[in-house]
PDB file of N, CA and C in Angstrom:
ATOM      1  N   UNK A   1       0.509  -0.964  -0.253  1.00  0.00           N
ATOM      2  CA  UNK A   1       0.201  -0.042  -0.321  1.00  0.00           C
ATOM      3  C   UNK A   1       1.032   1.114   0.513  1.00  0.00           C
ATOM      4  N   UNK A   2       0.324   1.945  -0.799  1.00  0.00           N
ATOM      5  CA  UNK A   2       1.336   3.253  -0.958  1.00  0.00           C
ATOM      6  C   UNK A   2       0.750   4.734   0.072  1.00  0.00           C
ATOM      7  N   UNK A   3       1.701   5.084   0.375  1.00  0.00           N
ATOM      8  CA  UNK A   3       1.794   6.328   2.130  1.00  0.00           C
ATOM      9  C   UNK A   3       0.648   6.628   0.844  1.00  0.00           C
ATOM     10  N   UNK A   4       0.093   7.802   2.532  1.00  0.00           N
ATOM     11  CA  UNK A   4      -0.539   8.949   1.792  1.00  0.00           C
ATOM     12  C   UNK A   4      -0.199   9.794   2.623  1.00  0.00           C
ATOM     13  N   UNK A   5       0.439  11.396   1.994  1.00  0.00           N
ATOM     14  CA  UNK A   5       0.847  12.227   2.834  1.00  0.00           C
ATOM     15  C   UNK A   5       0.463  12.933   3.799  1.00  0.00           C
ATOM     16  N   UNK A   6       0.040  13.130   5.017  1.00  0.00           N
ATOM     17  CA  UNK A   6      -0.260  14.511   6.031  1.00  0.00           C
ATOM     18  C   UNK A   6       0.049  14.822   5.798  1.00  0.00           C
ATOM     19  N   UNK A   7       0.326  16.139   5.035  1.00  0.00           N
ATOM     20  CA  UNK A   7       1.018  17.538   4.568  1.00  0.00           C
ATOM     21  C   UNK A   7       0.640  17.917   3.222  1.00  0.00           C
ATOM     22  N   UNK A   8      -0.083  18.694   2.507  1.00  0.00           N
ATOM     23  CA  UNK A   8       0.533  19.101   1.427  1.00  0.00           C
ATOM     24  C   UNK A   8       1.218  19.971   1.362  1.00  0.00           C
ATOM     25  N   UNK A   9       2.735  19.379   0.357  1.00  0.00           N
ATOM     26  CA  UNK A   9       3.268  19.891  -0.216  1.00  0.00           C
ATOM     27  C   UNK A   9       3.402  20.812  -1.010  1.00  0.00           C
ATOM     28  N   UNK A  10       2.347  21.611  -1.051  1.00  0.00           N
ATOM     29  CA  UNK A  10       2.139  22.760  -2.107  1.00  0.00           C
ATOM     30  C   UNK A  10       2.362  23.565  -1.518  1.00  0.00           C
ATOM     31  N   UNK A  11       1.303  23.728  -0.251  1.00  0.00           N
ATOM     32  CA  UNK A  11       1.631  24.888   0.945  1.00  0.00           C
ATOM     33  C   UNK A  11       1.316  24.334   2.590  1.00  0.00           C
ATOM     34  N   UNK A  12       2.186  23.100   3.055  1.00  0.00           N
ATOM     35  CA  UNK A  12       2.470  22.770   4.312  1.00  0.00           C
ATOM     36  C   UNK A  12       1.287  22.856   5.422  1.00  0.00           C
ATOM     37  N   UNK A  13       0.135  22.712   4.702  1.00  0.00           N
ATOM     38  CA  UNK A  13      -0.726  22.394   5.232  1.00  0.00           C
ATOM     39  C   UNK A  13      -1.411  20.916   5.664  1.00  0.00           C
ATOM     40  N   UNK A  14      -2.316  20.927   6.550  1.00  0.00           N
ATOM     41  CA  UNK A  14      -2.550  18.927   6.982  1.00  0.00           C
ATOM     42  C   UNK A  14      -4.270  19.158   5.562  1.00  0.00           C
ATOM     43  N   UNK A  15      -3.168  17.601   5.597  1.00  0.00           N
ATOM     44  CA  UNK A  15      -4.143  16.664   4.766  1.00  0.00           C
ATOM     45  C   UNK A  15      -5.691  16.075   5.572  1.00  0.00           C
ATOM     46  N   UNK A  16      -5.376  15.469   7.058  1.00  0.00           N
ATOM     47  CA  UNK A  16      -5.830  14.908   7.584  1.00  0.00           C
ATOM     48  C   UNK A  16      -7.218  15.470   7.365  1.00  0.00           C
ATOM     49  N   UNK A  17      -7.791  16.274   7.427  1.00  0.00           N
ATOM     50  CA  UNK A  17      -8.771  15.955   7.375  1.00  0.00           C
ATOM     51  C   UNK A  17      -9.026  16.215   5.728  1.00  0.00           C
ATOM     52  N   UNK A  18      -9.275  16.336   4.808  1.00  0.00           N
ATOM     53  CA  UNK A  18      -9.548  15.207   3.729  1.00  0.00           C
ATOM     54  C   UNK A  18     -10.195  14.280   3.641  1.00  0.00           C
ATOM     55  N   UNK A  19      -8.073  13.670   4.469  1.00  0.00           N
ATOM     56  CA  UNK A  19      -8.695  11.780   4.004  1.00  0.00           C
ATOM     57  C   UNK A  19      -9.638  12.128   5.322  1.00  0.00           C
ATOM     58  N   UNK A  20     -10.224  12.294   6.009  1.00  0.00           N
ATOM     59  CA  UNK A  20     -11.106  12.050   7.348  1.00  0.00           C
ATOM     60  C   UNK A  20     -12.674  12.008   6.226  1.00  0.00           C
ATOM     61  N   UNK A  21     -12.713  13.401   5.083  1.00  0.00           N
ATOM     62  CA  UNK A  21     -13.687  13.303   4.351  1.00  0.00           C
ATOM     63  C   UNK A  21     -14.117  12.955   3.887  1.00  0.00           C
ATOM     64  N   UNK A  22     -13.161  11.369   3.537  1.00  0.00           N
ATOM     65  CA  UNK A  22     -12.836  10.468   1.761  1.00  0.00           C
ATOM     66  C   UNK A  22     -13.559   8.530   2.823  1.00  0.00           C
ATOM     67  N   UNK A  23     -13.746   8.916   4.290  1.00  0.00           N
ATOM     68  CA  UNK A  23     -13.764   8.143   5.229  1.00  0.00           C
ATOM     69  C   UNK A  23     -15.270   7.250   5.094  1.00  0.00           C
ATOM     70  N   UNK A  24     -15.791   6.868   4.486  1.00  0.00           N
ATOM     71  CA  UNK A  24     -16.903   5.630   4.511  1.00  0.00           C
ATOM     72  C   UNK A  24     -18.088   5.894   5.932  1.00  0.00           C
ATOM     73  N   UNK A  25     -17.689   5.755   7.081  1.00  0.00           N
ATOM     74  CA  UNK A  25     -18.212   6.552   8.275  1.00  0.00           C
ATOM     75  C   UNK A  25     -18.730   8.138   7.945  1.00  0.00           C
ATOM     76  N   UNK A  26     -17.914   8.575   7.340  1.00  0.00           N
ATOM     77  CA  UNK A  26     -17.289  10.255   6.916  1.00  0.00           C
ATOM     78  C   UNK A  26     -18.998  11.016   6.951  1.00  0.00           C
ATOM     79  N   UNK A  27     -18.598   9.679   5.421  1.00  0.00           N
ATOM     80  CA  UNK A  27     -19.663  10.096   4.097  1.00  0.00           C
ATOM     81  C   UNK A  27     -20.999   9.878   4.538  1.00  0.00           C
ATOM     82  N   UNK A  28     -21.693   8.264   5.027  1.00  0.00           N
ATOM     83  CA  UNK A  28     -22.701   7.634   4.827  1.00  0.00           C
ATOM     84  C   UNK A  28     -23.245   8.628   6.812  1.00  0.00           C
ATOM     85  N   UNK A  29     -22.493   8.712   8.182  1.00  0.00           N
ATOM     86  CA  UNK A  29     -22.737  10.347   8.781  1.00  0.00           C
ATOM     87  C   UNK A  29     -22.787  11.535   7.938  1.00  0.00           C
ATOM     88  N   UNK A  30     -22.415  12.509   7.252  1.00  0.00           N
ATOM     89  CA  UNK A  30     -22.714  12.793   7.153  1.00  0.00           C
ATOM     90  C   UNK A  30     -23.786  13.883   5.407  1.00  0.00           C
ATOM     91  N   UNK A  31     -24.213  12.538   5.043  1.00  0.00           N
ATOM     92  CA  UNK A  31     -25.449  12.420   4.184  1.00  0.00           C
ATOM     93  C   UNK A  31     -26.756  12.960   4.153  1.00  0.00           C
ATOM     94  N   UNK A  32     -27.259  12.817   5.246  1.00  0.00           N
ATOM     95  CA  UNK A  32     -28.908  13.955   6.258  1.00  0.00           C
ATOM     96  C   UNK A  32     -28.598  15.215   6.616  1.00  0.00           C
ATOM     97  N   UNK A  33     -26.829  15.322   6.586  1.00  0.00           N
ATOM     98  CA  UNK A  33     -26.894  16.303   7.636  1.00  0.00           C
ATOM     99  C   UNK A  33     -26.569  16.514   9.101  1.00  0.00           C
ATOM    100  N   UNK A  34     -26.999  14.758   9.825  1.00  0.00           N
ATOM    101  CA  UNK A  34     -26.983  15.406  11.026  1.00  0.00           C
ATOM    102  C   UNK A  34     -26.447  14.151  11.221  1.00  0.00           C
ATOM    103  N   UNK A  35     -25.148  14.909  12.081  1.00  0.00           N
ATOM    104  CA  UNK A  35     -24.269  13.098  13.112  1.00  0.00           C
ATOM    105  C   UNK A  35     -24.963  12.689  14.240  1.00  0.00           C
ATOM    106  N   UNK A  36     -25.876  11.572  14.244  1.00  0.00           N
ATOM    107  CA  UNK A  36     -26.837  10.720  15.435  1.00  0.00           C
ATOM    108  C   UNK A  36     -26.200  10.657  15.971  1.00  0.00           C
ATOM    109  N   UNK A  37     -26.204   9.918  17.351  1.00  0.00           N
ATOM    110  CA  UNK A  37     -25.617   9.910  18.941  1.00  0.00           C
ATOM    111  C   UNK A  37     -25.221   8.186  18.371  1.00  0.00           C
ATOM    112  N   UNK A  38     -25.560   7.761  17.676  1.00  0.00           N
ATOM    113  CA  UNK A  38     -24.904   6.056  17.751  1.00  0.00           C
ATOM    114  C   UNK A  38     -23.897   5.945  16.299  1.00  0.00           C
ATOM    115  N   UNK A  39     -24.349   7.177  15.415  1.00  0.00           N
ATOM    116  CA  UNK A  39     -22.977   7.334  14.826  1.00  0.00           C
ATOM    117  C   UNK A  39     -21.806   8.091  15.486  1.00  0.00           C
ATOM    118  N   UNK A  40     -21.998   8.874  16.170  1.00  0.00           N
ATOM    119  CA  UNK A  40     -21.136   9.008  16.560  1.00  0.00           C
ATOM    120  C   UNK A  40     -20.220   8.511  17.578  1.00  0.00           C
ATOM    121  N   UNK A  41     -21.784   7.751  18.237  1.00  0.00           N
ATOM    122  CA  UNK A  41     -21.196   6.688  19.496  1.00  0.00           C
ATOM    123  C   UNK A  41     -19.908   5.450  17.956  1.00  0.00           C
ATOM    124  N   UNK A  42     -20.773   5.518  17.081  1.00  0.00           N
ATOM    125  CA  UNK A  42     -19.799   3.869  16.346  1.00  0.00           C
ATOM    126  C   UNK A  42     -18.625   4.557  16.897  1.00  0.00           C
ATOM    127  N   UNK A  43     -18.552   5.778  15.443  1.00  0.00           N
ATOM    128  CA  UNK A  43     -16.677   6.635  15.190  1.00  0.00           C
ATOM    129  C   UNK A  43     -15.541   6.044  16.142  1.00  0.00           C
ATOM    130  N   UNK A  44     -17.203   6.795  17.144  1.00  0.00           N
ATOM    131  CA  UNK A  44     -15.790   7.119  18.907  1.00  0.00           C
ATOM    132  C   UNK A  44     -14.420   4.743  19.045  1.00  0.00           C
ATOM    133  N   UNK A  45     -16.008   4.087  18.857  1.00  0.00           N
ATOM    134  CA  UNK A  45     -15.590   3.085  19.307  1.00  0.00           C
ATOM    135  C   UNK A  45     -14.759   2.430  17.200  1.00  0.00           C
ATOM    136  N   UNK A  46     -14.650   3.485  16.569  1.00  0.00           N
ATOM    137  CA  UNK A  46     -14.095   2.607  15.733  1.00  0.00           C
ATOM    138  C   UNK A  46     -12.522   3.278  16.122  1.00  0.00           C
ATOM    139  N   UNK A  47     -13.056   4.805  16.775  1.00  0.00           N
ATOM    140  CA  UNK A  47     -10.963   5.014  17.213  1.00  0.00           C
ATOM    141  C   UNK A  47     -10.248   4.770  17.486  1.00  0.00           C
ATOM    142  N   UNK A  48     -11.406   3.703  19.062  1.00  0.00           N
ATOM    143  CA  UNK A  48     -11.208   3.671  20.681  1.00  0.00           C
ATOM    144  C   UNK A  48      -9.567   2.087  19.536  1.00  0.00           C
ATOM    145  N   UNK A  49     -10.991   1.359  18.702  1.00  0.00           N
ATOM    146  CA  UNK A  49     -10.257   0.078  18.084  1.00  0.00           C
ATOM    147  C   UNK A  49      -8.982   0.297  17.568  1.00  0.00           C
ATOM    148  N   UNK A  50      -9.258   1.451  16.835  1.00  0.00           N
ATOM    149  CA  UNK A  50      -7.425   1.788  15.793  1.00  0.00           C
ATOM    150  C   UNK A  50      -6.335   2.163  17.343  1.00  0.00           C
ATOM    151  N   UNK A  51      -6.252   3.318  17.678  1.00  0.00           N
ATOM    152  CA  UNK A  51      -5.584   3.626  18.978  1.00  0.00           C
ATOM    153  C   UNK A  51      -5.099   2.337  19.773  1.00  0.00           C
ATOM    154  N   UNK A  52      -5.775   1.676  19.989  1.00  0.00           N
ATOM    155  CA  UNK A  52      -5.978   0.434  21.197  1.00  0.00           C
ATOM    156  C   UNK A  52      -4.429  -0.111  20.257  1.00  0.00           C
ATOM    157  N   UNK A  53      -4.854  -0.875  18.834  1.00  0.00           N
ATOM    158  CA  UNK A  53      -4.494  -1.859  18.269  1.00  0.00           C
ATOM    159  C   UNK A  53      -3.237  -1.162  17.507  1.00  0.00           C
ATOM    160  N   UNK A  54      -2.732  -0.362  17.374  1.00  0.00           N
ATOM    161  CA  UNK A  54      -1.241   1.132  16.911  1.00  0.00           C
ATOM    162  C   UNK A  54      -1.106   1.925  17.803  1.00  0.00           C
ATOM    163  N   UNK A  55      -1.563   1.900  19.154  1.00  0.00           N
ATOM    164  CA  UNK A  55      -0.901   2.208  20.560  1.00  0.00           C
ATOM    165  C   UNK A  55      -0.021   0.733  20.916  1.00  0.00           C
ATOM    166  N   UNK A  56      -0.603  -0.181  20.630  1.00  0.00           N
ATOM    167  CA  UNK A  56       0.078  -1.802  20.985  1.00  0.00           C
ATOM    168  C   UNK A  56       1.135  -1.792  20.060  1.00  0.00           C
ATOM    169  N   UNK A  57       1.591  -1.576  19.263  1.00  0.00           N
ATOM    170  CA  UNK A  57       2.606  -2.073  17.954  1.00  0.00           C
ATOM    171  C   UNK A  57       4.040  -0.735  18.477  1.00  0.00           C
ATOM    172  N   UNK A  58       2.992   0.345  19.043  1.00  0.00           N
ATOM    173  CA  UNK A  58       4.602   1.578  19.002  1.00  0.00           C
ATOM    174  C   UNK A  58       5.119   1.150  20.097  1.00  0.00           C
ATOM    175  N   UNK A  59       6.693   2.148  20.712  1.00  0.00           N
ATOM    176  CA  UNK A  59       7.471   1.926  21.016  1.00  0.00           C
ATOM    177  C   UNK A  59       7.558   2.601  21.757  1.00  0.00           C
ATOM    178  N   UNK A  60       8.121   2.859  22.881  1.00  0.00           N
ATOM    179  CA  UNK A  60       8.041   3.692  24.260  1.00  0.00           C
ATOM    180  C   UNK A  60       8.141   5.616  23.402  1.00  0.00           C
ATOM    181  N   UNK A  61       9.441   5.340  22.206  1.00  0.00           N
ATOM    182  CA  UNK A  61       9.776   7.021  21.950  1.00  0.00           C
ATOM    183  C   UNK A  61       9.147   7.263  20.856  1.00  0.00           C
ATOM    184  N   UNK A  62       8.195   6.196  19.642  1.00  0.00           N
ATOM    185  CA  UNK A  62       7.149   6.796  19.399  1.00  0.00           C
ATOM    186  C   UNK A  62       5.543   7.122  19.808  1.00  0.00           C
ATOM    187  N   UNK A  63       5.325   5.923  20.696  1.00  0.00           N
ATOM    188  CA  UNK A  63       3.948   6.612  21.486  1.00  0.00           C
ATOM    189  C   UNK A  63       4.272   7.476  22.052  1.00  0.00           C
ATOM    190  N   UNK A  64       5.682   8.494  22.613  1.00  0.00           N
ATOM    191  CA  UNK A  64       5.121   9.697  23.271  1.00  0.00           C
ATOM    192  C   UNK A  64       4.799  10.424  21.589  1.00  0.00           C
ATOM    193  N   UNK A  65       5.590  10.191  20.285  1.00  0.00           N
ATOM    194  CA  UNK A  65       5.415  11.032  19.451  1.00  0.00           C
ATOM    195  C   UNK A  65       4.446  11.064  19.156  1.00  0.00           C
ATOM    196  N   UNK A  66       3.690  10.046  18.638  1.00  0.00           N
ATOM    197  CA  UNK A  66       2.327   9.592  18.511  1.00  0.00           C
ATOM    198  C   UNK A  66       0.950  10.515  19.396  1.00  0.00           C
ATOM    199  N   UNK A  67       1.249  10.514  20.616  1.00  0.00           N
ATOM    200  CA  UNK A  67       0.351  10.856  21.545  1.00  0.00           C
ATOM    201  C   UNK A  67       0.360  11.844  21.616  1.00  0.00           C
ATOM    202  N   UNK A  68       1.638  12.769  21.071  1.00  0.00           N
ATOM    203  CA  UNK A  68       1.415  14.624  21.142  1.00  0.00           C
ATOM    204  C   UNK A  68       1.142  14.894  19.339  1.00  0.00           C
ATOM    205  N   UNK A  69       1.535  14.121  18.495  1.00  0.00           N
ATOM    206  CA  UNK A  69       0.820  13.865  17.183  1.00  0.00           C
ATOM    207  C   UNK A  69      -0.632  14.749  17.444  1.00  0.00           C
ATOM    208  N   UNK A  70      -1.525  13.527  18.142  1.00  0.00           N
ATOM    209  CA  UNK A  70      -2.820  13.616  18.521  1.00  0.00           C
ATOM    210  C   UNK A  70      -2.955  14.477  18.920  1.00  0.00           C
ATOM    211  N   UNK A  71      -2.967  15.101  20.522  1.00  0.00           N
ATOM    212  CA  UNK A  71      -2.666  15.965  21.410  1.00  0.00           C
ATOM    213  C   UNK A  71      -3.063  17.324  20.205  1.00  0.00           C
ATOM    214  N   UNK A  72      -1.971  16.860  19.523  1.00  0.00           N
ATOM    215  CA  UNK A  72      -1.978  18.308  18.053  1.00  0.00           C
ATOM    216  C   UNK A  72      -2.735  18.579  17.483  1.00  0.00           C
ATOM    217  N   UNK A  73      -2.508  17.523  16.569  1.00  0.00           N
ATOM    218  CA  UNK A  73      -4.248  17.650  15.820  1.00  0.00           C
ATOM    219  C   UNK A  73      -5.474  17.822  16.577  1.00  0.00           C
ATOM    220  N   UNK A  74      -6.209  17.501  17.485  1.00  0.00           N
ATOM    221  CA  UNK A  74      -7.308  17.497  18.352  1.00  0.00           C
ATOM    222  C   UNK A  74      -6.894  18.727  19.010  1.00  0.00           C
ATOM    223  N   UNK A  75      -6.207  19.188  18.985  1.00  0.00           N
ATOM    224  CA  UNK A  75      -6.112  20.912  19.190  1.00  0.00           C
ATOM    225  C   UNK A  75      -7.210  21.785  17.897  1.00  0.00           C
ATOM    226  N   UNK A  76      -5.864  21.566  17.029  1.00  0.00           N
ATOM    227  CA  UNK A  76      -6.069  22.361  15.648  1.00  0.00           C
ATOM    228  C   UNK A  76      -7.364  22.008  15.398  1.00  0.00           C
ATOM    229  N   UNK A  77      -8.272  21.061  15.425  1.00  0.00           N
ATOM    230  CA  UNK A  77      -9.400  20.629  15.034  1.00  0.00           C
ATOM    231  C   UNK A  77      -9.944  21.624  15.929  1.00  0.00           C
ATOM    232  N   UNK A  78     -10.348  21.436  17.198  1.00  0.00           N
ATOM    233  CA  UNK A  78     -12.007  22.371  17.749  1.00  0.00           C
ATOM    234  C   UNK A  78     -10.844  24.065  17.099  1.00  0.00           C
ATOM    235  N   UNK A  79      -9.989  23.712  17.839  1.00  0.00           N
ATOM    236  CA  UNK A  79      -8.969  26.011  16.742  1.00  0.00           C
ATOM    237  C   UNK A  79     -10.200  25.907  16.208  1.00  0.00           C
ATOM    238  N   UNK A  80      -9.894  24.458  14.848  1.00  0.00           N
ATOM    239  CA  UNK A  80     -10.258  25.330  14.032  1.00  0.00           C
ATOM    240  C   UNK A  80     -12.264  25.798  12.868  1.00  0.00           C
ATOM    241  N   UNK A  81     -12.620  24.259  13.612  1.00  0.00           N
ATOM    242  CA  UNK A  81     -14.063  24.885  14.272  1.00  0.00           C
ATOM    243  C   UNK A  81     -14.681  26.162  15.002  1.00  0.00           C
ATOM    244  N   UNK A  82     -14.013  25.655  16.168  1.00  0.00           N
ATOM    245  CA  UNK A  82     -14.747  26.859  16.573  1.00  0.00           C
ATOM    246  C   UNK A  82     -14.161  28.427  15.716  1.00  0.00           C
ATOM    247  N   UNK A  83     -12.838  28.705  14.944  1.00  0.00           N
ATOM    248  CA  UNK A  83     -12.623  29.153  13.883  1.00  0.00           C
ATOM    249  C   UNK A  83     -14.039  30.558  13.386  1.00  0.00           C
ATOM    250  N   UNK A  84     -13.701  29.105  11.750  1.00  0.00           N
ATOM    251  CA  UNK A  84     -14.858  29.039  11.820  1.00  0.00           C
ATOM    252  C   UNK A  84     -16.570  29.564  11.654  1.00  0.00           C
ATOM    253  N   UNK A  85     -16.994  28.197  13.279  1.00  0.00           N
ATOM    254  CA  UNK A  85     -18.302  28.776  13.637  1.00  0.00           C
ATOM    255  C   UNK A  85     -18.566  30.122  14.431  1.00  0.00           C
ATOM    256  N   UNK A  86     -17.438  31.127  14.279  1.00  0.00           N
ATOM    257  CA  UNK A  86     -17.218  31.973  14.845  1.00  0.00           C
ATOM    258  C   UNK A  86     -17.533  33.223  13.861  1.00  0.00           C
ATOM    259  N   UNK A  87     -17.156  32.873  12.843  1.00  0.00           N
ATOM    260  CA  UNK A  87     -16.604  33.827  11.386  1.00  0.00           C
ATOM    261  C   UNK A  87     -18.444  33.284  11.174  1.00  0.00           C
ATOM    262  N   UNK A  88     -18.788  32.167  11.146  1.00  0.00           N
ATOM    263  CA  UNK A  88     -20.243  32.309  10.601  1.00  0.00           C
ATOM    264  C   UNK A  88     -21.110  32.281  11.059  1.00  0.00           C
ATOM    265  N   UNK A  89     -21.041  32.879  12.431  1.00  0.00           N
ATOM    266  CA  UNK A  89     -22.101  33.441  13.537  1.00  0.00           C
ATOM    267  C   UNK A  89     -21.483  34.800  13.166  1.00  0.00           C
ATOM    268  N   UNK A  90     -20.816  36.150  12.971  1.00  0.00           N
ATOM    269  CA  UNK A  90     -20.078  37.054  13.110  1.00  0.00           C
ATOM    270  C   UNK A  90     -20.961  37.407  11.255  1.00  0.00           C
ATOM    271  N   UNK A  91     -20.680  36.528  10.566  1.00  0.00           N
ATOM    272  CA  UNK A  91     -21.573  36.655   8.991  1.00  0.00           C
ATOM    273  C   UNK A  91     -22.566  37.147   8.973  1.00  0.00           C
ATOM    274  N   UNK A  92     -23.245  36.308  10.173  1.00  0.00           N
ATOM    275  CA  UNK A  92     -24.545  36.245   9.681  1.00  0.00           C
ATOM    276  C   UNK A  92     -24.865  37.192  10.607  1.00  0.00           C
ATOM    277  N   UNK A  93     -24.862  37.851  12.316  1.00  0.00           N
ATOM    278  CA  UNK A  93     -25.023  38.425  12.106  1.00  0.00           C
ATOM    279  C   UNK A  93     -24.779  40.335  12.063  1.00  0.00           C
ATOM    280  N   UNK A  94     -23.835  39.935  10.964  1.00  0.00           N
ATOM    281  CA  UNK A  94     -23.966  41.370  10.242  1.00  0.00           C
ATOM    282  C   UNK A  94     -24.809  40.977   9.201  1.00  0.00           C
ATOM    283  N   UNK A  95     -25.337  39.827   8.446  1.00  0.00           N
ATOM    284  CA  UNK A  95     -26.363  39.921   7.642  1.00  0.00           C
ATOM    285  C   UNK A  95     -25.471  40.294   6.245  1.00  0.00           C
TER     286      UNK A  95
END
């Protein structure tokens, strides 16, 4: 299997979000424009299974690096979502 890059070489921006949007579970969950509790629970279950699988395959140094990566990615996603939400609210308020 060929490697999928995590970073766009042209603009140095993360590509993980774009890859995530191609996941079958993501596409299916967003088909109706709403995320149900069940869909979120299923995604969490898939995530936990994969976290456990990857975690057990890492040595201590790799584990520390991947832990830092996952935390930075999560922080970025939350900040990005919040930023976009705030921009949308400002645009809506200004009409």
